[in-house]
Amino acid sequence: MAIWEKRFKKNADIVFRKIAGEVILVPIRQNVGDLESIYTLNDVAARIWELIDGKRKMHQIRDTISEEFDVSPQKIEKDLARYTRELEDIGAINTT
């Protein structure tokens, strides 16, 4: 299946927080944050995280980001594919 038809859901062990103007992902393991695994997100990455809900297909997220940030679909495709791979690699998301 092509990435654009996939749906991803968030790992419940990853917490999304906005703190002092920064947007971060914090993995929570055994009720303790792994402080060496805190990820800071830029505006686009934070919006992608918000849009990942297990229901939207990746092409829908791509189109939303392209519209909201006035970025070409080609640029978004490249960046979104890389970003979702990174999120999968750290265990933050998986396919539904």
N, C-alpha and C. Protein backbone atom coordinates (compact mmCIF):
# COMPACT_ATOMS: atom_id res chain seq x y z
N MET A 1 0.86 -1.19 0.00
CA MET A 1 0.00 0.00 0.00
C MET A 1 0.90 1.24 0.00
N ALA A 2 0.57 2.17 -0.85
CA ALA A 2 1.32 3.43 -0.91
C ALA A 2 1.09 4.23 0.37
N ILE A 3 2.10 4.98 0.76
CA ILE A 3 2.00 5.76 2.00
C ILE A 3 0.78 6.68 1.99
N TRP A 4 0.38 7.17 0.83
CA TRP A 4 -0.69 8.17 0.76
C TRP A 4 -2.06 7.58 1.07
N GLU A 5 -2.19 6.26 1.04
CA GLU A 5 -3.44 5.60 1.38
C GLU A 5 -3.44 5.08 2.82
N LYS A 6 -2.32 5.19 3.49
CA LYS A 6 -2.21 4.69 4.87
C LYS A 6 -2.85 5.65 5.85
N ARG A 7 -3.28 5.06 6.95
CA ARG A 7 -3.75 5.82 8.11
C ARG A 7 -2.82 5.47 9.26
N PHE A 8 -2.39 6.49 9.99
CA PHE A 8 -1.52 6.27 11.13
C PHE A 8 -2.25 6.67 12.40
N LYS A 9 -1.94 5.98 13.48
CA LYS A 9 -2.47 6.37 14.78
C LYS A 9 -1.30 6.65 15.71
N LYS A 10 -1.54 7.46 16.69
CA LYS A 10 -0.51 7.85 17.65
C LYS A 10 -0.34 6.77 18.72
N ASN A 11 0.87 6.62 19.17
CA ASN A 11 1.18 5.75 20.30
C ASN A 11 0.70 6.46 21.56
N ALA A 12 -0.09 5.79 22.37
CA ALA A 12 -0.62 6.39 23.59
C ALA A 12 0.47 6.70 24.61
N ASP A 13 1.66 6.15 24.42
CA ASP A 13 2.78 6.40 25.32
C ASP A 13 3.60 7.63 24.93
N ILE A 14 3.09 8.40 23.96
CA ILE A 14 3.76 9.63 23.54
C ILE A 14 2.85 10.80 23.91
N VAL A 15 3.39 11.75 24.64
CA VAL A 15 2.62 12.91 25.08
C VAL A 15 3.05 14.12 24.26
N PHE A 16 2.08 14.88 23.78
CA PHE A 16 2.27 16.10 22.99
C PHE A 16 2.00 17.28 23.91
N ARG A 17 2.96 18.19 24.01
CA ARG A 17 2.78 19.35 24.89
C ARG A 17 3.30 20.61 24.24
N LYS A 18 2.63 21.72 24.56
CA LYS A 18 3.11 23.05 24.19
C LYS A 18 3.56 23.72 25.48
N ILE A 19 4.86 24.01 25.54
CA ILE A 19 5.43 24.58 26.76
C ILE A 19 6.31 25.76 26.39
N ALA A 20 5.98 26.92 26.93
CA ALA A 20 6.77 28.14 26.73
C ALA A 20 7.08 28.38 25.25
N GLY A 21 6.06 28.24 24.42
CA GLY A 21 6.23 28.51 23.00
C GLY A 21 6.86 27.38 22.20
N GLU A 22 7.24 26.30 22.86
CA GLU A 22 7.83 25.13 22.19
C GLU A 22 6.79 24.01 22.15
N VAL A 23 6.83 23.25 21.06
CA VAL A 23 5.96 22.09 20.94
C VAL A 23 6.86 20.87 21.01
N ILE A 24 6.52 19.95 21.92
CA ILE A 24 7.39 18.79 22.13
C ILE A 24 6.58 17.49 22.18
N LEU A 25 7.26 16.40 21.84
CA LEU A 25 6.75 15.05 22.04
C LEU A 25 7.62 14.42 23.12
N VAL A 26 6.97 13.82 24.10
CA VAL A 26 7.69 13.18 25.19
C VAL A 26 7.22 11.74 25.32
N PRO A 27 8.11 10.78 25.10
CA PRO A 27 7.74 9.38 25.34
C PRO A 27 7.63 9.14 26.84
N ILE A 28 6.57 8.48 27.25
CA ILE A 28 6.36 8.16 28.65
C ILE A 28 6.49 6.64 28.78
N ARG A 29 7.40 6.23 29.65
CA ARG A 29 7.62 4.80 29.87
C ARG A 29 7.58 4.54 31.37
N GLN A 30 6.74 3.62 31.75
CA GLN A 30 6.60 3.24 33.16
C GLN A 30 6.38 4.47 34.04
N ASN A 31 5.53 5.37 33.56
CA ASN A 31 5.15 6.58 34.29
C ASN A 31 6.30 7.56 34.51
N VAL A 32 7.40 7.39 33.82
CA VAL A 32 8.52 8.31 33.93
C VAL A 32 8.91 8.76 32.54
N GLY A 33 9.06 10.06 32.34
CA GLY A 33 9.48 10.56 31.03
C GLY A 33 10.92 10.19 30.75
N ASP A 34 11.17 9.76 29.54
CA ASP A 34 12.54 9.47 29.10
C ASP A 34 13.12 10.79 28.60
N LEU A 35 13.81 11.51 29.47
CA LEU A 35 14.26 12.86 29.16
C LEU A 35 15.28 12.93 28.04
N GLU A 36 15.88 11.80 27.68
CA GLU A 36 16.81 11.80 26.57
C GLU A 36 16.10 11.59 25.25
N SER A 37 14.79 11.45 25.28
CA SER A 37 14.01 11.21 24.07
C SER A 37 12.89 12.23 23.89
N ILE A 38 13.17 13.47 24.20
CA ILE A 38 12.19 14.54 24.00
C ILE A 38 12.43 15.13 22.62
N TYR A 39 11.36 15.29 21.84
CA TYR A 39 11.46 15.76 20.47
C TYR A 39 10.76 17.11 20.34
N THR A 40 11.48 18.10 19.84
CA THR A 40 10.91 19.42 19.59
C THR A 40 10.40 19.46 18.16
N LEU A 41 9.20 19.99 17.98
CA LEU A 41 8.57 20.04 16.66
C LEU A 41 8.45 21.48 16.17
N ASN A 42 8.66 21.68 14.87
CA ASN A 42 8.38 22.98 14.29
C ASN A 42 6.88 23.08 14.03
N ASP A 43 6.42 24.21 13.51
CA ASP A 43 4.98 24.43 13.31
C ASP A 43 4.35 23.39 12.40
N VAL A 44 5.02 23.06 11.31
CA VAL A 44 4.47 22.10 10.35
C VAL A 44 4.41 20.71 10.98
N ALA A 45 5.48 20.29 11.62
CA ALA A 45 5.51 18.98 12.26
C ALA A 45 4.45 18.88 13.36
N ALA A 46 4.26 19.95 14.11
CA ALA A 46 3.24 19.95 15.16
C ALA A 46 1.84 19.81 14.55
N ARG A 47 1.61 20.48 13.44
CA ARG A 47 0.30 20.39 12.79
C ARG A 47 0.07 18.98 12.23
N ILE A 48 1.11 18.39 11.66
CA ILE A 48 0.99 17.01 11.17
C ILE A 48 0.63 16.09 12.33
N TRP A 49 1.31 16.26 13.45
CA TRP A 49 1.02 15.43 14.63
C TRP A 49 -0.45 15.58 15.03
N GLU A 50 -0.95 16.81 15.02
CA GLU A 50 -2.35 17.04 15.38
C GLU A 50 -3.30 16.34 14.40
N LEU A 51 -2.92 16.29 13.12
CA LEU A 51 -3.80 15.71 12.10
C LEU A 51 -3.78 14.18 12.09
N ILE A 52 -2.74 13.58 12.62
CA ILE A 52 -2.67 12.12 12.67
C ILE A 52 -3.67 11.64 13.72
N ASP A 53 -4.71 10.97 13.24
CA ASP A 53 -5.79 10.58 14.16
C ASP A 53 -6.29 9.16 13.95
N GLY A 54 -5.64 8.41 13.05
CA GLY A 54 -6.09 7.06 12.77
C GLY A 54 -7.23 6.98 11.78
N LYS A 55 -7.79 8.12 11.42
CA LYS A 55 -8.91 8.17 10.48
C LYS A 55 -8.51 8.78 9.14
N ARG A 56 -7.72 9.84 9.20
CA ARG A 56 -7.31 10.52 7.97
C ARG A 56 -6.24 9.71 7.24
N LYS A 57 -6.38 9.63 5.94
CA LYS A 57 -5.33 9.03 5.12
C LYS A 57 -4.25 10.08 4.92
N MET A 58 -3.06 9.59 4.64
CA MET A 58 -1.93 10.51 4.51
C MET A 58 -2.13 11.52 3.38
N HIS A 59 -2.81 11.16 2.31
CA HIS A 59 -3.05 12.14 1.25
C HIS A 59 -3.93 13.28 1.74
N GLN A 60 -4.82 13.01 2.69
CA GLN A 60 -5.65 14.07 3.26
C GLN A 60 -4.80 15.00 4.14
N ILE A 61 -3.88 14.42 4.90
CA ILE A 61 -2.98 15.24 5.71
C ILE A 61 -2.08 16.06 4.81
N ARG A 62 -1.54 15.45 3.76
CA ARG A 62 -0.70 16.17 2.79
C ARG A 62 -1.44 17.37 2.22
N ASP A 63 -2.68 17.17 1.80
CA ASP A 63 -3.46 18.24 1.19
C ASP A 63 -3.75 19.35 2.19
N THR A 64 -4.07 18.99 3.43
CA THR A 64 -4.35 19.99 4.46
C THR A 64 -3.11 20.83 4.73
N ILE A 65 -1.97 20.18 4.89
CA ILE A 65 -0.72 20.90 5.15
C ILE A 65 -0.37 21.80 3.98
N SER A 66 -0.55 21.31 2.78
CA SER A 66 -0.25 22.10 1.58
C SER A 66 -1.09 23.38 1.55
N GLU A 67 -2.37 23.26 1.91
CA GLU A 67 -3.26 24.42 1.93
C GLU A 67 -2.93 25.38 3.07
N GLU A 68 -2.73 24.85 4.26
CA GLU A 68 -2.53 25.69 5.44
C GLU A 68 -1.19 26.40 5.44
N PHE A 69 -0.17 25.79 4.85
CA PHE A 69 1.17 26.38 4.90
C PHE A 69 1.64 26.89 3.55
N ASP A 70 0.76 26.85 2.55
CA ASP A 70 1.09 27.35 1.21
C ASP A 70 2.41 26.77 0.70
N VAL A 71 2.48 25.45 0.75
CA VAL A 71 3.66 24.71 0.29
C VAL A 71 3.20 23.78 -0.82
N SER A 72 4.05 23.58 -1.81
CA SER A 72 3.67 22.72 -2.94
C SER A 72 3.46 21.28 -2.46
N PRO A 73 2.51 20.59 -3.08
CA PRO A 73 2.28 19.18 -2.72
C PRO A 73 3.53 18.32 -2.88
N GLN A 74 4.36 18.63 -3.86
CA GLN A 74 5.59 17.86 -4.08
C GLN A 74 6.54 18.00 -2.89
N LYS A 75 6.70 19.20 -2.38
CA LYS A 75 7.57 19.44 -1.23
C LYS A 75 6.99 18.76 0.01
N ILE A 76 5.69 18.89 0.18
CA ILE A 76 5.03 18.27 1.32
C ILE A 76 5.18 16.75 1.25
N GLU A 77 5.01 16.16 0.07
CA GLU A 77 5.13 14.70 -0.06
C GLU A 77 6.48 14.21 0.43
N LYS A 78 7.53 14.89 -0.01
CA LYS A 78 8.88 14.49 0.38
C LYS A 78 9.06 14.62 1.90
N ASP A 79 8.69 15.77 2.44
CA ASP A 79 8.88 16.03 3.86
C ASP A 79 7.97 15.15 4.73
N LEU A 80 6.74 14.96 4.30
CA LEU A 80 5.78 14.15 5.06
C LEU A 80 6.20 12.68 5.09
N ALA A 81 6.68 12.17 3.98
CA ALA A 81 7.15 10.78 3.94
C ALA A 81 8.33 10.60 4.89
N ARG A 82 9.26 11.54 4.89
CA ARG A 82 10.42 11.46 5.78
C ARG A 82 9.99 11.57 7.24
N TYR A 83 9.11 12.52 7.53
CA TYR A 83 8.66 12.75 8.90
C TYR A 83 7.91 11.54 9.46
N THR A 84 7.01 10.96 8.66
CA THR A 84 6.27 9.79 9.16
C THR A 84 7.21 8.61 9.39
N ARG A 85 8.23 8.46 8.55
CA ARG A 85 9.23 7.42 8.78
C ARG A 85 9.95 7.63 10.11
N GLU A 86 10.31 8.88 10.38
CA GLU A 86 10.97 9.20 11.65
C GLU A 86 10.06 8.91 12.83
N LEU A 87 8.78 9.27 12.72
CA LEU A 87 7.83 9.00 13.80
C LEU A 87 7.65 7.50 14.01
N GLU A 88 7.62 6.74 12.92
CA GLU A 88 7.53 5.28 13.05
C GLU A 88 8.79 4.73 13.72
N ASP A 89 9.95 5.25 13.32
CA ASP A 89 11.22 4.76 13.86
C ASP A 89 11.32 4.95 15.38
N ILE A 90 10.76 6.02 15.89
CA ILE A 90 10.82 6.25 17.34
C ILE A 90 9.62 5.66 18.07
N GLY A 91 8.73 5.02 17.31
CA GLY A 91 7.57 4.36 17.93
C GLY A 91 6.44 5.30 18.29
N ALA A 92 6.43 6.50 17.70
CA ALA A 92 5.40 7.49 18.02
C ALA A 92 4.09 7.21 17.30
N ILE A 93 4.17 6.57 16.12
CA ILE A 93 2.97 6.26 15.34
C ILE A 93 3.10 4.85 14.76
N ASN A 94 1.95 4.29 14.40
CA ASN A 94 1.92 3.06 13.63
C ASN A 94 0.67 3.04 12.77
N THR A 95 0.65 2.15 11.79
CA THR A 95 -0.51 2.12 10.88
C THR A 95 -1.70 1.48 11.57
N THR A 96 -2.88 1.91 11.15
CA THR A 96 -4.11 1.36 11.72
C THR A 96 -4.56 0.16 10.93
